[in-house]
Amino acid sequence: MTVIYVITTGGTIEKAYSEQTGSIANLNSKIERYLQLLRLPDSEVNVLPLLNKDSLEMADADRELILATVTGLLNENAPIIITHRTDTMVQTGLLRKRKPLDIKVPIVLTGAMAPLGCDANDGLQNLTESLFAMSLLSPGIYVVMHNQVFPIDRVRKDKELGTFVTTSQNGMK
């Protein structure tokens, strides 16, 4: 049985329509409900709801909390997926450069450009691809989005294209 941890932090992948406000907002975690739609034989997926923040609310203290949670899970020797807002997921993934980790498993950050449950959403695809990537990736930190895998130090979000693109080692295109 393969054990995988999924740390949820909010962002677009977790947003839902609020009838009270008429807006899309982070109301509650939806990842477990979507995981139940998938066939994951021989996998034990443990969801850890850590944050449920809107994309614009993520702060350095939140990134430190994510890093501390990942550090605590590394002793389990199980792959980790972090659902995260797309605008700052690279920034969160690069925290390990300031605080080196002894990484012996793949750690994947993923998210969505459109909320799960909305037409043309990419969240379930990205979550599914992240789960699949766990069995293929070597230890390290990656972004998995739109049928692509990027090492964390060679990726950036391209807002014009609405996806992620490869960069050079220093983060410049």
N, C-alpha and C. Protein backbone atom coordinates (compact mmCIF):
# COMPACT_ATOMS: atom_id res chain seq x y z
N MET A 1 0.85 -1.18 0.00
CA MET A 1 0.00 0.00 0.00
C MET A 1 0.89 1.25 0.00
N THR A 2 0.71 2.10 -0.97
CA THR A 2 1.46 3.35 -1.06
C THR A 2 0.72 4.43 -0.27
N VAL A 3 1.43 5.09 0.61
CA VAL A 3 0.86 6.19 1.40
C VAL A 3 1.28 7.50 0.75
N ILE A 4 0.32 8.38 0.54
CA ILE A 4 0.56 9.71 -0.01
C ILE A 4 -0.14 10.72 0.88
N TYR A 5 0.56 11.81 1.18
CA TYR A 5 -0.05 12.89 1.94
C TYR A 5 -0.43 14.03 1.00
N VAL A 6 -1.61 14.59 1.23
CA VAL A 6 -2.07 15.76 0.49
C VAL A 6 -2.33 16.86 1.51
N ILE A 7 -1.53 17.92 1.43
CA ILE A 7 -1.71 19.09 2.31
C ILE A 7 -2.51 20.11 1.52
N THR A 8 -3.66 20.52 2.05
CA THR A 8 -4.48 21.51 1.35
C THR A 8 -4.28 22.88 1.99
N THR A 9 -4.18 23.89 1.11
CA THR A 9 -3.93 25.25 1.62
C THR A 9 -4.92 26.27 1.07
N GLY A 10 -5.90 25.82 0.29
CA GLY A 10 -6.86 26.76 -0.29
C GLY A 10 -6.49 27.09 -1.72
N GLY A 11 -6.65 28.34 -2.08
CA GLY A 11 -6.39 28.77 -3.45
C GLY A 11 -7.55 28.43 -4.36
N THR A 12 -7.37 28.67 -5.63
CA THR A 12 -8.45 28.49 -6.60
C THR A 12 -8.97 27.07 -6.64
N ILE A 13 -8.11 26.07 -6.48
CA ILE A 13 -8.55 24.67 -6.55
C ILE A 13 -9.62 24.37 -5.50
N GLU A 14 -9.63 25.11 -4.41
CA GLU A 14 -10.57 24.88 -3.31
C GLU A 14 -11.77 25.84 -3.31
N LYS A 15 -11.85 26.75 -4.25
CA LYS A 15 -12.92 27.75 -4.23
C LYS A 15 -14.26 27.16 -4.64
N ALA A 16 -15.32 27.80 -4.14
CA ALA A 16 -16.69 27.40 -4.46
C ALA A 16 -17.54 28.66 -4.57
N TYR A 17 -18.64 28.52 -5.25
CA TYR A 17 -19.56 29.64 -5.41
C TYR A 17 -20.35 29.85 -4.12
N SER A 18 -20.40 31.07 -3.63
CA SER A 18 -21.17 31.42 -2.43
C SER A 18 -22.45 32.11 -2.85
N GLU A 19 -23.59 31.48 -2.60
CA GLU A 19 -24.87 32.08 -2.94
C GLU A 19 -25.14 33.32 -2.10
N GLN A 20 -24.62 33.36 -0.88
CA GLN A 20 -24.83 34.50 0.00
C GLN A 20 -24.18 35.77 -0.54
N THR A 21 -22.97 35.65 -1.07
CA THR A 21 -22.24 36.83 -1.53
C THR A 21 -22.24 36.98 -3.05
N GLY A 22 -22.63 35.91 -3.76
CA GLY A 22 -22.60 35.95 -5.21
C GLY A 22 -21.20 35.94 -5.77
N SER A 23 -20.25 35.43 -5.00
CA SER A 23 -18.86 35.40 -5.45
C SER A 23 -18.27 34.01 -5.25
N ILE A 24 -17.09 33.83 -5.81
CA ILE A 24 -16.36 32.58 -5.61
C ILE A 24 -15.38 32.81 -4.48
N ALA A 25 -15.39 31.92 -3.49
CA ALA A 25 -14.56 32.12 -2.30
C ALA A 25 -14.11 30.78 -1.75
N ASN A 26 -13.10 30.82 -0.88
CA ASN A 26 -12.67 29.63 -0.16
C ASN A 26 -13.62 29.44 1.02
N LEU A 27 -14.48 28.43 0.92
CA LEU A 27 -15.47 28.18 1.97
C LEU A 27 -15.08 26.99 2.82
N ASN A 28 -14.79 25.85 2.19
CA ASN A 28 -14.33 24.66 2.91
C ASN A 28 -13.55 23.78 1.95
N SER A 29 -12.79 22.86 2.49
CA SER A 29 -11.95 22.01 1.67
C SER A 29 -12.80 21.06 0.84
N LYS A 30 -12.46 20.92 -0.44
CA LYS A 30 -13.19 20.05 -1.35
C LYS A 30 -12.36 18.87 -1.83
N ILE A 31 -11.10 18.83 -1.48
CA ILE A 31 -10.20 17.84 -2.04
C ILE A 31 -10.63 16.40 -1.71
N GLU A 32 -11.03 16.15 -0.47
CA GLU A 32 -11.42 14.78 -0.10
C GLU A 32 -12.59 14.29 -0.94
N ARG A 33 -13.55 15.16 -1.20
CA ARG A 33 -14.71 14.79 -2.01
C ARG A 33 -14.26 14.40 -3.43
N TYR A 34 -13.31 15.14 -3.99
CA TYR A 34 -12.84 14.83 -5.34
C TYR A 34 -11.96 13.59 -5.36
N LEU A 35 -11.21 13.34 -4.32
CA LEU A 35 -10.41 12.12 -4.25
C LEU A 35 -11.30 10.88 -4.26
N GLN A 36 -12.50 10.99 -3.68
CA GLN A 36 -13.42 9.85 -3.65
C GLN A 36 -13.92 9.49 -5.04
N LEU A 37 -13.81 10.39 -6.01
CA LEU A 37 -14.24 10.11 -7.38
C LEU A 37 -13.19 9.30 -8.15
N LEU A 38 -11.98 9.22 -7.62
CA LEU A 38 -10.89 8.56 -8.32
C LEU A 38 -10.72 7.12 -7.85
N ARG A 39 -10.26 6.28 -8.74
CA ARG A 39 -9.89 4.91 -8.39
C ARG A 39 -8.41 4.93 -8.06
N LEU A 40 -8.10 4.66 -6.81
CA LEU A 40 -6.71 4.70 -6.36
C LEU A 40 -6.36 3.39 -5.65
N PRO A 41 -6.32 2.30 -6.43
CA PRO A 41 -6.00 1.01 -5.81
C PRO A 41 -4.60 1.01 -5.22
N ASP A 42 -4.45 0.35 -4.13
CA ASP A 42 -3.16 0.22 -3.45
C ASP A 42 -2.59 1.56 -3.00
N SER A 43 -3.46 2.56 -2.82
CA SER A 43 -3.01 3.86 -2.34
C SER A 43 -3.83 4.28 -1.13
N GLU A 44 -3.12 4.78 -0.15
CA GLU A 44 -3.77 5.39 1.02
C GLU A 44 -3.44 6.87 0.96
N VAL A 45 -4.44 7.69 0.66
CA VAL A 45 -4.24 9.12 0.52
C VAL A 45 -4.76 9.79 1.79
N ASN A 46 -3.84 10.42 2.52
CA ASN A 46 -4.18 11.11 3.76
C ASN A 46 -4.21 12.61 3.51
N VAL A 47 -5.39 13.21 3.68
CA VAL A 47 -5.56 14.64 3.45
C VAL A 47 -5.37 15.39 4.76
N LEU A 48 -4.49 16.41 4.72
CA LEU A 48 -4.24 17.26 5.88
C LEU A 48 -4.67 18.69 5.55
N PRO A 49 -5.88 19.09 5.94
CA PRO A 49 -6.31 20.47 5.68
C PRO A 49 -5.52 21.43 6.57
N LEU A 50 -4.63 22.20 5.98
CA LEU A 50 -3.76 23.09 6.74
C LEU A 50 -4.27 24.51 6.73
N LEU A 51 -4.56 25.03 5.56
CA LEU A 51 -5.08 26.39 5.38
C LEU A 51 -6.23 26.32 4.39
N ASN A 52 -7.04 27.35 4.36
CA ASN A 52 -8.07 27.48 3.33
C ASN A 52 -8.16 28.95 2.97
N LYS A 53 -7.10 29.42 2.35
CA LYS A 53 -6.96 30.85 2.08
C LYS A 53 -7.17 31.19 0.62
N ASP A 54 -7.74 32.35 0.41
CA ASP A 54 -7.86 32.91 -0.91
C ASP A 54 -6.46 33.22 -1.44
N SER A 55 -6.36 33.23 -2.75
CA SER A 55 -5.07 33.46 -3.40
C SER A 55 -4.37 34.73 -2.92
N LEU A 56 -5.11 35.76 -2.67
CA LEU A 56 -4.51 37.04 -2.30
C LEU A 56 -4.11 37.13 -0.84
N GLU A 57 -4.47 36.14 -0.03
CA GLU A 57 -4.21 36.20 1.40
C GLU A 57 -2.97 35.43 1.86
N MET A 58 -2.34 34.67 0.98
CA MET A 58 -1.17 33.87 1.36
C MET A 58 0.00 34.78 1.74
N ALA A 59 0.56 34.54 2.92
CA ALA A 59 1.65 35.38 3.45
C ALA A 59 2.86 34.50 3.77
N ASP A 60 3.97 35.15 4.08
CA ASP A 60 5.19 34.42 4.42
C ASP A 60 4.98 33.49 5.61
N ALA A 61 4.20 33.91 6.59
CA ALA A 61 3.93 33.06 7.76
C ALA A 61 3.20 31.78 7.33
N ASP A 62 2.32 31.87 6.33
CA ASP A 62 1.63 30.69 5.83
C ASP A 62 2.61 29.76 5.13
N ARG A 63 3.54 30.32 4.36
CA ARG A 63 4.54 29.50 3.69
C ARG A 63 5.43 28.80 4.72
N GLU A 64 5.77 29.48 5.78
CA GLU A 64 6.57 28.86 6.86
C GLU A 64 5.79 27.71 7.50
N LEU A 65 4.48 27.88 7.68
CA LEU A 65 3.65 26.82 8.24
C LEU A 65 3.63 25.61 7.31
N ILE A 66 3.52 25.85 6.02
CA ILE A 66 3.56 24.76 5.04
C ILE A 66 4.89 24.04 5.12
N LEU A 67 5.99 24.79 5.15
CA LEU A 67 7.32 24.19 5.24
C LEU A 67 7.47 23.36 6.52
N ALA A 68 6.99 23.87 7.63
CA ALA A 68 7.07 23.14 8.90
C ALA A 68 6.25 21.84 8.82
N THR A 69 5.09 21.88 8.19
CA THR A 69 4.26 20.69 8.04
C THR A 69 4.95 19.66 7.16
N VAL A 70 5.51 20.10 6.04
CA VAL A 70 6.25 19.20 5.15
C VAL A 70 7.43 18.60 5.90
N THR A 71 8.17 19.41 6.63
CA THR A 71 9.33 18.92 7.38
C THR A 71 8.91 17.83 8.36
N GLY A 72 7.78 18.02 9.04
CA GLY A 72 7.28 17.02 9.97
C GLY A 72 6.88 15.72 9.28
N LEU A 73 6.39 15.81 8.05
CA LEU A 73 5.96 14.61 7.32
C LEU A 73 7.11 13.86 6.67
N LEU A 74 8.25 14.48 6.49
CA LEU A 74 9.36 13.81 5.80
C LEU A 74 9.81 12.54 6.51
N ASN A 75 9.60 12.48 7.82
CA ASN A 75 9.96 11.26 8.57
C ASN A 75 9.10 10.07 8.17
N GLU A 76 7.93 10.33 7.59
CA GLU A 76 7.03 9.25 7.16
C GLU A 76 7.53 8.57 5.88
N ASN A 77 8.48 9.21 5.19
CA ASN A 77 9.04 8.68 3.94
C ASN A 77 7.94 8.39 2.91
N ALA A 78 6.96 9.28 2.84
CA ALA A 78 5.84 9.16 1.91
C ALA A 78 5.78 10.41 1.04
N PRO A 79 5.43 10.26 -0.23
CA PRO A 79 5.31 11.42 -1.11
C PRO A 79 4.28 12.41 -0.58
N ILE A 80 4.46 13.70 -0.96
CA ILE A 80 3.60 14.77 -0.46
C ILE A 80 3.12 15.61 -1.65
N ILE A 81 1.82 15.87 -1.67
CA ILE A 81 1.23 16.81 -2.61
C ILE A 81 0.73 17.99 -1.81
N ILE A 82 1.00 19.19 -2.30
CA ILE A 82 0.50 20.41 -1.66
C ILE A 82 -0.39 21.11 -2.66
N THR A 83 -1.69 21.23 -2.33
CA THR A 83 -2.57 22.03 -3.18
C THR A 83 -2.37 23.48 -2.77
N HIS A 84 -2.19 24.34 -3.76
CA HIS A 84 -1.71 25.69 -3.47
C HIS A 84 -2.23 26.66 -4.51
N ARG A 85 -2.31 27.91 -4.16
CA ARG A 85 -2.65 28.94 -5.13
C ARG A 85 -1.55 29.01 -6.18
N THR A 86 -1.91 29.23 -7.41
CA THR A 86 -0.91 29.18 -8.47
C THR A 86 0.00 30.39 -8.51
N ASP A 87 -0.47 31.55 -8.06
CA ASP A 87 0.35 32.76 -8.16
C ASP A 87 1.62 32.71 -7.32
N THR A 88 1.61 31.97 -6.21
CA THR A 88 2.80 31.95 -5.35
C THR A 88 3.30 30.54 -5.03
N MET A 89 2.85 29.53 -5.77
CA MET A 89 3.31 28.17 -5.43
C MET A 89 4.81 28.01 -5.65
N VAL A 90 5.36 28.66 -6.65
CA VAL A 90 6.81 28.56 -6.86
C VAL A 90 7.55 29.20 -5.69
N GLN A 91 7.07 30.33 -5.23
CA GLN A 91 7.68 31.01 -4.08
C GLN A 91 7.67 30.10 -2.85
N THR A 92 6.57 29.40 -2.61
CA THR A 92 6.50 28.46 -1.49
C THR A 92 7.47 27.31 -1.69
N GLY A 93 7.52 26.75 -2.89
CA GLY A 93 8.40 25.62 -3.17
C GLY A 93 9.87 25.97 -3.04
N LEU A 94 10.22 27.23 -3.30
CA LEU A 94 11.62 27.64 -3.20
C LEU A 94 12.06 27.93 -1.77
N LEU A 95 11.17 27.84 -0.80
CA LEU A 95 11.56 28.04 0.61
C LEU A 95 12.67 27.08 1.02
N ARG A 96 12.69 25.91 0.42
CA ARG A 96 13.71 24.93 0.80
C ARG A 96 15.12 25.43 0.49
N LYS A 97 15.24 26.40 -0.38
CA LYS A 97 16.58 26.95 -0.64
C LYS A 97 17.08 27.74 0.56
N ARG A 98 16.16 28.38 1.28
CA ARG A 98 16.54 29.12 2.49
C ARG A 98 16.65 28.19 3.69
N LYS A 99 15.86 27.14 3.68
CA LYS A 99 15.86 26.17 4.77
C LYS A 99 15.99 24.78 4.15
N PRO A 100 17.20 24.31 3.93
CA PRO A 100 17.39 23.03 3.26
C PRO A 100 16.68 21.89 3.98
N LEU A 101 16.08 21.01 3.18
CA LEU A 101 15.40 19.83 3.69
C LEU A 101 16.12 18.59 3.18
N ASP A 102 16.08 17.53 3.96
CA ASP A 102 16.60 16.23 3.52
C ASP A 102 15.44 15.51 2.84
N ILE A 103 15.32 15.71 1.54
CA ILE A 103 14.17 15.21 0.79
C ILE A 103 14.50 13.85 0.19
N LYS A 104 13.71 12.84 0.58
CA LYS A 104 13.90 11.49 0.06
C LYS A 104 12.68 11.00 -0.70
N VAL A 105 11.71 11.90 -0.93
CA VAL A 105 10.48 11.58 -1.63
C VAL A 105 10.13 12.73 -2.57
N PRO A 106 9.26 12.48 -3.55
CA PRO A 106 8.79 13.60 -4.35
C PRO A 106 7.80 14.46 -3.56
N ILE A 107 7.93 15.77 -3.72
CA ILE A 107 6.99 16.73 -3.15
C ILE A 107 6.47 17.54 -4.34
N VAL A 108 5.16 17.56 -4.51
CA VAL A 108 4.54 18.21 -5.67
C VAL A 108 3.61 19.31 -5.20
N LEU A 109 3.75 20.47 -5.82
CA LEU A 109 2.78 21.55 -5.64
C LEU A 109 1.89 21.58 -6.87
N THR A 110 0.59 21.68 -6.64
CA THR A 110 -0.37 21.76 -7.73
C THR A 110 -1.52 22.66 -7.33
N GLY A 111 -2.28 23.05 -8.29
CA GLY A 111 -3.41 23.94 -8.04
C GLY A 111 -4.31 23.96 -9.25
N ALA A 112 -4.97 25.09 -9.46
CA ALA A 112 -5.90 25.22 -10.57
C ALA A 112 -6.01 26.66 -11.01
N MET A 113 -6.28 26.83 -12.28
CA MET A 113 -6.56 28.16 -12.82
C MET A 113 -8.05 28.47 -12.68
N ALA A 114 -8.89 27.42 -12.60
CA ALA A 114 -10.33 27.56 -12.40
C ALA A 114 -10.73 26.59 -11.29
N PRO A 115 -11.68 26.97 -10.44
CA PRO A 115 -12.06 26.13 -9.30
C PRO A 115 -12.61 24.77 -9.71
N LEU A 116 -12.37 23.76 -8.86
CA LEU A 116 -12.99 22.46 -9.04
C LEU A 116 -14.51 22.66 -9.05
N GLY A 117 -15.20 21.98 -9.93
CA GLY A 117 -16.64 22.11 -9.99
C GLY A 117 -17.12 23.14 -11.00
N CYS A 118 -16.26 24.02 -11.47
CA CYS A 118 -16.63 24.99 -12.50
C CYS A 118 -16.35 24.40 -13.87
N ASP A 119 -17.10 24.85 -14.88
CA ASP A 119 -16.81 24.42 -16.24
C ASP A 119 -15.37 24.79 -16.57
N ALA A 120 -14.75 23.97 -17.39
CA ALA A 120 -13.37 24.20 -17.85
C ALA A 120 -12.37 24.27 -16.71
N ASN A 121 -12.69 23.61 -15.59
CA ASN A 121 -11.71 23.60 -14.49
C ASN A 121 -10.59 22.64 -14.81
N ASP A 122 -9.46 22.90 -14.22
CA ASP A 122 -8.29 22.05 -14.42
C ASP A 122 -7.85 21.40 -13.11
N GLY A 123 -8.57 21.64 -12.04
CA GLY A 123 -8.16 21.17 -10.72
C GLY A 123 -8.10 19.67 -10.59
N LEU A 124 -9.16 18.97 -11.02
CA LEU A 124 -9.18 17.52 -10.88
C LEU A 124 -8.10 16.89 -11.76
N GLN A 125 -7.88 17.43 -12.96
CA GLN A 125 -6.81 16.94 -13.82
C GLN A 125 -5.47 17.10 -13.13
N ASN A 126 -5.19 18.27 -12.58
CA ASN A 126 -3.90 18.53 -11.94
C ASN A 126 -3.71 17.67 -10.70
N LEU A 127 -4.78 17.47 -9.93
CA LEU A 127 -4.70 16.61 -8.75
C LEU A 127 -4.42 15.16 -9.16
N THR A 128 -5.13 14.68 -10.17
CA THR A 128 -4.93 13.31 -10.66
C THR A 128 -3.52 13.11 -11.19
N GLU A 129 -3.05 14.07 -11.98
CA GLU A 129 -1.69 13.97 -12.53
C GLU A 129 -0.64 14.01 -11.42
N SER A 130 -0.90 14.77 -10.37
CA SER A 130 0.03 14.82 -9.24
C SER A 130 0.10 13.48 -8.53
N LEU A 131 -1.04 12.83 -8.36
CA LEU A 131 -1.06 11.51 -7.73
C LEU A 131 -0.29 10.50 -8.58
N PHE A 132 -0.48 10.55 -9.89
CA PHE A 132 0.24 9.66 -10.79
C PHE A 132 1.75 9.94 -10.77
N ALA A 133 2.10 11.21 -10.74
CA ALA A 133 3.52 11.60 -10.74
C ALA A 133 4.27 11.05 -9.54
N MET A 134 3.58 10.82 -8.44
CA MET A 134 4.24 10.30 -7.23
C MET A 134 4.98 9.00 -7.50
N SER A 135 4.45 8.19 -8.42
CA SER A 135 5.07 6.89 -8.69
C SER A 135 6.22 6.99 -9.70
N LEU A 136 6.39 8.15 -10.32
CA LEU A 136 7.40 8.31 -11.37
C LEU A 136 8.56 9.23 -11.01
N LEU A 137 8.32 10.18 -10.13
CA LEU A 137 9.32 11.21 -9.85
C LEU A 137 10.36 10.76 -8.84
N SER A 138 11.56 11.25 -9.01
CA SER A 138 12.61 11.03 -8.03
C SER A 138 12.44 12.06 -6.91
N PRO A 139 13.14 11.89 -5.80
CA PRO A 139 13.02 12.87 -4.71
C PRO A 139 13.33 14.29 -5.19
N GLY A 140 12.56 15.24 -4.72
CA GLY A 140 12.73 16.64 -5.08
C GLY A 140 11.41 17.37 -4.97
N ILE A 141 11.42 18.63 -5.34
CA ILE A 141 10.21 19.46 -5.28
C ILE A 141 9.86 19.87 -6.70
N TYR A 142 8.58 19.69 -7.05
CA TYR A 142 8.10 19.91 -8.40
C TYR A 142 6.79 20.68 -8.41
N VAL A 143 6.47 21.26 -9.57
CA VAL A 143 5.14 21.76 -9.87
C VAL A 143 4.57 20.84 -10.93
N VAL A 144 3.35 20.34 -10.70
CA VAL A 144 2.65 19.53 -11.69
C VAL A 144 1.37 20.27 -12.07
N MET A 145 1.31 20.67 -13.34
CA MET A 145 0.16 21.41 -13.86
C MET A 145 0.02 21.10 -15.35
N HIS A 146 -1.19 20.87 -15.78
CA HIS A 146 -1.52 20.79 -17.20
C HIS A 146 -0.67 19.78 -17.96
N ASN A 147 -0.58 18.58 -17.41
CA ASN A 147 0.12 17.48 -18.06
C ASN A 147 1.62 17.72 -18.19
N GLN A 148 2.17 18.52 -17.28
CA GLN A 148 3.61 18.79 -17.29
C GLN A 148 4.16 18.73 -15.87
N VAL A 149 5.44 18.39 -15.78
CA VAL A 149 6.15 18.36 -14.50
C VAL A 149 7.34 19.31 -14.63
N PHE A 150 7.50 20.18 -13.64
CA PHE A 150 8.58 21.15 -13.65
C PHE A 150 9.36 21.07 -12.34
N PRO A 151 10.69 20.98 -12.37
CA PRO A 151 11.47 21.15 -11.14
C PRO A 151 11.19 22.56 -10.60
N ILE A 152 11.10 22.68 -9.29
CA ILE A 152 10.67 23.93 -8.67
C ILE A 152 11.58 25.12 -9.02
N ASP A 153 12.84 24.87 -9.29
CA ASP A 153 13.74 25.98 -9.60
C ASP A 153 13.82 26.29 -11.09
N ARG A 154 12.93 25.67 -11.89
CA ARG A 154 12.92 25.92 -13.34
C ARG A 154 11.51 26.12 -13.87
N VAL A 155 10.70 26.87 -13.12
CA VAL A 155 9.30 27.06 -13.53
C VAL A 155 8.80 28.42 -13.10
N ARG A 156 7.87 28.95 -13.87
CA ARG A 156 7.16 30.16 -13.48
C ARG A 156 5.77 30.12 -14.09
N LYS A 157 4.85 30.85 -13.49
CA LYS A 157 3.51 30.97 -14.02
C LYS A 157 3.51 32.03 -15.12
N ASP A 158 2.94 31.69 -16.27
CA ASP A 158 2.78 32.64 -17.37
C ASP A 158 1.30 33.02 -17.41
N LYS A 159 0.98 34.19 -16.88
CA LYS A 159 -0.42 34.61 -16.79
C LYS A 159 -1.05 34.81 -18.16
N GLU A 160 -0.26 35.23 -19.13
CA GLU A 160 -0.81 35.43 -20.48
C GLU A 160 -1.24 34.11 -21.11
N LEU A 161 -0.45 33.07 -20.91
CA LEU A 161 -0.77 31.75 -21.45
C LEU A 161 -1.75 30.97 -20.56
N GLY A 162 -1.85 31.36 -19.29
CA GLY A 162 -2.72 30.66 -18.36
C GLY A 162 -2.20 29.29 -17.98
N THR A 163 -0.87 29.17 -17.90
CA THR A 163 -0.25 27.90 -17.52
C THR A 163 1.15 28.18 -16.96
N PHE A 164 1.89 27.11 -16.72
CA PHE A 164 3.27 27.24 -16.25
C PHE A 164 4.23 26.93 -17.39
N VAL A 165 5.41 27.55 -17.33
CA VAL A 165 6.41 27.38 -18.37
C VAL A 165 7.77 27.14 -17.74
N THR A 166 8.64 26.52 -18.50
CA THR A 166 10.00 26.24 -18.06
C THR A 166 10.83 27.52 -18.09
N THR A 167 11.70 27.66 -17.10
CA THR A 167 12.64 28.76 -17.05
C THR A 167 14.04 28.19 -16.91
N SER A 168 15.04 29.06 -16.97
CA SER A 168 16.41 28.61 -16.72
C SER A 168 16.59 28.39 -15.22
N GLN A 169 17.73 27.89 -14.83
CA GLN A 169 18.01 27.59 -13.42
C GLN A 169 17.78 28.78 -12.50
N ASN A 170 18.08 29.97 -12.96
CA ASN A 170 17.95 31.15 -12.08
C ASN A 170 16.54 31.74 -12.11
N GLY A 171 15.61 31.11 -12.83
CA GLY A 171 14.24 31.58 -12.83
C GLY A 171 13.91 32.58 -13.92
N MET A 172 14.89 32.94 -14.74
CA MET A 172 14.63 33.87 -15.84
C MET A 172 14.31 33.07 -17.09
N LYS A 173 13.46 33.60 -17.95
CA LYS A 173 13.08 32.89 -19.16
C LYS A 173 14.18 32.90 -20.18
